[in-house]
Amino acid sequence: MVKDSDLFQKLIQKAFEAGASDAKFIPAQAVVVEGRFAEMCASPQCPGYGLSPSCPPHVMKPHEFKDLLSHYEQVLVFKIDVPTEVLLSDGRRNVAKLIHEISSGIERLAKEKGYTNSKGFAAGSCKLIFCNEQAECVVLDKNEKCLFFNQARPSLSGLGVNFFELTKIVGWQIKKITKDTKPDEVPMGIMAGMVLIG
């Protein structure tokens, strides 16, 4: 458990200052991980599938992530409220980039404060978000250091995190948004990230 209440507040404050709409701590064991969510990345195939080390099939498997979670007590989860019309446009990429930046920023601050095993996770493929103009991922194709290692974080859905259960745990209202969703019927959606604090 995060016993340092000052740190607790600083991490929450960091999330809000960076652009989060809400941020809360939950027990790590409350995070629901299911293999079927990671499998959805492959079929029907997500545009980011296989393009980076932060997405399937290269990212850690759901059972490995479950094992990782078992070594932590607290998780900071955060969200950004996003108009549906933005989620259904290219603007989604900018929001996803901000999720990665918030997650990595919270991770860095936690590590600076002594929680050196903290790990951030975010939404979406880092290849499509940070390196969309690059022909290839330098990590996978050239075995070189990630160009955005300070920002890019593994994909929550790629790890098998049940996003809808996560939103229930923290009390966030959400409706499923697909390419057929009408923004006038579902005006807002959310994107989220989380950081294991330890």
Protein backbone atom coordinates (compact mmCIF):
# COMPACT_ATOMS: atom_id res chain seq x y z
CA MET A 1 0.00 0.00 0.00
CA VAL A 2 1.15 3.55 -0.69
CA LYS A 3 1.71 4.71 2.88
CA ASP A 4 3.20 8.10 2.04
CA SER A 5 0.09 10.31 1.91
CA ASP A 6 2.14 13.25 0.58
CA LEU A 7 3.31 11.11 -2.33
CA PHE A 8 -0.24 9.87 -2.83
CA GLN A 9 -1.42 13.45 -3.28
CA LYS A 10 1.55 14.44 -5.44
CA LEU A 11 0.91 11.61 -7.89
CA ILE A 12 -2.79 12.45 -8.11
CA GLN A 13 -1.91 16.13 -8.56
CA LYS A 14 0.63 15.24 -11.26
CA ALA A 15 -2.08 13.42 -13.22
CA PHE A 16 -4.48 16.38 -13.04
CA GLU A 17 -1.80 18.93 -13.92
CA ALA A 18 -0.83 16.87 -16.96
CA GLY A 19 -4.40 16.82 -18.26
CA ALA A 20 -6.25 13.94 -16.60
CA SER A 21 -9.98 14.36 -15.98
CA ASP A 22 -9.81 12.08 -12.93
CA ALA A 23 -7.25 9.93 -11.10
CA LYS A 24 -7.66 7.44 -8.25
CA PHE A 25 -5.77 4.76 -6.39
CA ILE A 26 -7.18 1.23 -6.35
CA PRO A 27 -5.82 -2.07 -5.00
CA ALA A 28 -3.67 -3.85 -7.60
CA GLN A 29 -5.62 -7.08 -7.05
CA ALA A 30 -8.81 -5.31 -8.18
CA VAL A 31 -7.49 -5.02 -11.77
CA VAL A 32 -9.20 -7.68 -13.90
CA VAL A 33 -6.98 -9.30 -16.54
CA GLU A 34 -8.42 -11.65 -19.16
CA GLY A 35 -6.64 -13.23 -22.10
CA ARG A 36 -9.61 -12.64 -24.41
CA PHE A 37 -8.97 -8.88 -24.43
CA ALA A 38 -5.40 -9.33 -25.66
CA GLU A 39 -6.70 -11.81 -28.26
CA MET A 40 -9.02 -9.11 -29.62
CA CYS A 41 -5.90 -7.23 -30.76
CA ALA A 42 -5.24 -10.04 -33.23
CA SER A 43 -8.76 -10.86 -34.38
CA PRO A 44 -10.20 -8.68 -35.72
CA GLN A 45 -6.71 -7.31 -36.14
CA CYS A 46 -5.99 -3.93 -34.59
CA PRO A 47 -4.04 -1.56 -36.91
CA GLY A 48 -1.21 -1.56 -34.35
CA TYR A 49 -0.96 -5.33 -33.97
CA GLY A 50 2.62 -6.55 -34.20
CA LEU A 51 4.09 -3.12 -34.94
CA SER A 52 5.78 -2.39 -31.61
CA PRO A 53 7.11 -4.03 -28.43
CA SER A 54 4.24 -2.46 -26.46
CA CYS A 55 1.52 -4.42 -28.29
CA PRO A 56 0.76 -8.11 -28.93
CA PRO A 57 2.31 -10.41 -29.83
CA HIS A 58 5.49 -8.73 -28.48
CA VAL A 59 4.22 -7.30 -25.18
CA MET A 60 4.03 -9.51 -22.08
CA LYS A 61 1.18 -12.02 -22.09
CA PRO A 62 -1.88 -11.54 -19.83
CA HIS A 63 -0.78 -14.32 -17.45
CA GLU A 64 2.62 -12.62 -17.13
CA PHE A 65 0.93 -9.31 -16.41
CA LYS A 66 -1.24 -10.98 -13.75
CA ASP A 67 1.92 -12.28 -12.13
CA LEU A 68 3.45 -8.79 -12.27
CA LEU A 69 0.34 -7.31 -10.62
CA SER A 70 0.65 -9.79 -7.75
CA HIS A 71 3.85 -8.03 -6.68
CA TYR A 72 2.12 -4.67 -6.23
CA GLU A 73 -0.44 -3.36 -3.76
CA GLN A 74 -1.58 -0.08 -5.29
CA VAL A 75 -2.34 1.15 -8.79
CA LEU A 76 -3.00 4.74 -9.83
CA VAL A 77 -5.58 4.81 -12.63
CA PHE A 78 -6.43 7.96 -14.56
CA LYS A 79 -8.67 8.97 -17.43
CA ILE A 80 -9.27 11.70 -19.93
CA ASP A 81 -12.86 12.46 -20.92
CA VAL A 82 -12.95 12.73 -24.71
CA PRO A 83 -15.77 13.79 -27.06
CA THR A 84 -16.90 10.81 -29.13
CA GLU A 85 -16.32 12.71 -32.36
CA VAL A 86 -12.65 13.04 -31.38
CA LEU A 87 -12.39 9.34 -30.50
CA LEU A 88 -13.75 8.51 -33.94
CA SER A 89 -11.26 10.81 -35.72
CA ASP A 90 -7.50 11.12 -36.12
CA GLY A 91 -7.63 13.33 -33.02
CA ARG A 92 -7.77 10.12 -31.00
CA ARG A 93 -4.02 9.73 -31.56
CA ASN A 94 -3.28 13.03 -29.78
CA VAL A 95 -5.33 11.97 -26.76
CA ALA A 96 -3.60 8.57 -26.68
CA LYS A 97 -0.22 10.34 -26.82
CA LEU A 98 -1.21 12.40 -23.79
CA ILE A 99 -2.23 9.22 -21.94
CA HIS A 100 1.25 7.80 -22.57
CA GLU A 101 2.87 11.04 -21.42
CA ILE A 102 0.81 11.21 -18.22
CA SER A 103 1.54 7.56 -17.43
CA SER A 104 5.28 7.92 -17.99
CA GLY A 105 5.35 11.18 -16.03
CA ILE A 106 3.65 9.63 -13.00
CA GLU A 107 5.99 6.64 -13.24
CA ARG A 108 9.05 8.92 -13.23
CA LEU A 109 7.81 10.95 -10.26
CA ALA A 110 7.06 7.80 -8.25
CA LYS A 111 10.55 6.49 -8.98
CA GLU A 112 12.12 9.80 -7.96
CA LYS A 113 10.27 9.53 -4.65
CA GLY A 114 11.66 6.06 -3.94
CA TYR A 115 9.07 3.78 -5.57
CA THR A 116 11.65 2.48 -8.03
CA ASN A 117 9.62 -0.47 -9.32
CA SER A 118 6.74 1.72 -10.54
CA LYS A 119 5.55 0.91 -14.06
CA GLY A 120 3.24 2.86 -16.34
CA PHE A 121 0.77 1.57 -18.92
CA ALA A 122 -1.31 3.44 -21.46
CA ALA A 123 -3.81 3.27 -24.33
CA GLY A 124 -3.03 2.34 -27.89
CA SER A 125 -0.06 1.38 -30.03
CA CYS A 126 3.07 3.45 -29.44
CA LYS A 127 4.06 2.85 -33.10
CA LEU A 128 0.89 4.52 -34.36
CA ILE A 129 1.08 7.28 -31.75
CA PHE A 130 4.76 8.27 -31.71
CA CYS A 131 6.28 6.70 -34.84
CA ASN A 132 3.45 6.75 -37.33
CA GLU A 133 5.68 8.49 -39.87
CA GLN A 134 8.49 5.96 -39.37
CA ALA A 135 8.60 3.02 -41.78
CA GLU A 136 9.52 0.62 -38.99
CA CYS A 137 9.95 0.26 -35.24
CA VAL A 138 13.66 0.62 -34.45
CA VAL A 139 13.29 -1.69 -31.44
CA LEU A 140 11.80 -4.59 -33.39
CA ASP A 141 13.50 -4.09 -36.74
CA LYS A 142 16.94 -2.85 -35.75
CA ASN A 143 17.22 -3.94 -32.11
CA GLU A 144 17.90 -0.31 -31.17
CA LYS A 145 16.70 1.77 -28.25
CA CYS A 146 13.15 3.12 -28.53
CA LEU A 147 13.10 6.67 -29.89
CA PHE A 148 10.44 7.59 -27.33
CA PHE A 149 11.47 5.41 -24.38
CA ASN A 150 10.70 8.25 -21.95
CA GLN A 151 7.07 8.42 -23.09
CA ALA A 152 5.87 5.24 -24.79
CA ARG A 153 4.30 2.67 -22.49
CA PRO A 154 2.73 -0.80 -23.02
CA SER A 155 -0.88 -1.04 -24.13
CA LEU A 156 -3.47 -1.81 -21.43
CA SER A 157 -5.71 -3.79 -23.74
CA GLY A 158 -2.71 -5.65 -25.15
CA LEU A 159 -1.97 -6.88 -21.63
CA GLY A 160 -5.53 -8.16 -21.24
CA VAL A 161 -6.86 -5.49 -18.86
CA ASN A 162 -10.66 -5.54 -18.76
CA PHE A 163 -11.23 -1.84 -19.29
CA PHE A 164 -14.96 -1.94 -18.56
CA GLU A 165 -14.40 -3.65 -15.21
CA LEU A 166 -11.71 -1.10 -14.43
CA THR A 167 -14.13 1.77 -15.01
CA LYS A 168 -16.71 0.12 -12.71
CA ILE A 169 -14.15 -0.22 -9.92
CA VAL A 170 -13.32 3.49 -9.98
CA GLY A 171 -16.92 4.59 -10.61
CA TRP A 172 -16.49 6.03 -14.09
CA GLN A 173 -19.49 5.95 -16.39
CA ILE A 174 -18.73 4.56 -19.83
CA LYS A 175 -20.53 3.34 -22.91
CA LYS A 176 -18.92 1.23 -25.61
CA ILE A 177 -17.94 3.30 -28.62
CA THR A 178 -17.48 1.73 -32.05
CA LYS A 179 -17.02 3.18 -35.54
CA ASP A 180 -20.83 3.05 -35.86
CA THR A 181 -21.51 5.06 -32.67
CA LYS A 182 -23.38 8.31 -33.28
CA PRO A 183 -21.79 11.19 -31.31
CA ASP A 184 -25.19 12.81 -30.72
CA GLU A 185 -26.34 9.60 -28.97
CA VAL A 186 -23.11 8.97 -27.03
CA PRO A 187 -21.43 12.38 -26.81
CA MET A 188 -18.48 11.46 -24.56
CA GLY A 189 -16.08 8.59 -24.08
CA ILE A 190 -12.88 8.08 -22.12
CA MET A 191 -9.30 6.95 -22.58
CA ALA A 192 -7.29 5.77 -19.61
CA GLY A 193 -3.93 4.68 -18.30
CA MET A 194 -2.50 3.33 -15.08
CA VAL A 195 0.70 3.13 -13.10
CA LEU A 196 1.71 0.31 -10.75
CA ILE A 197 3.25 1.95 -7.70
CA GLY A 198 5.98 0.01 -5.97
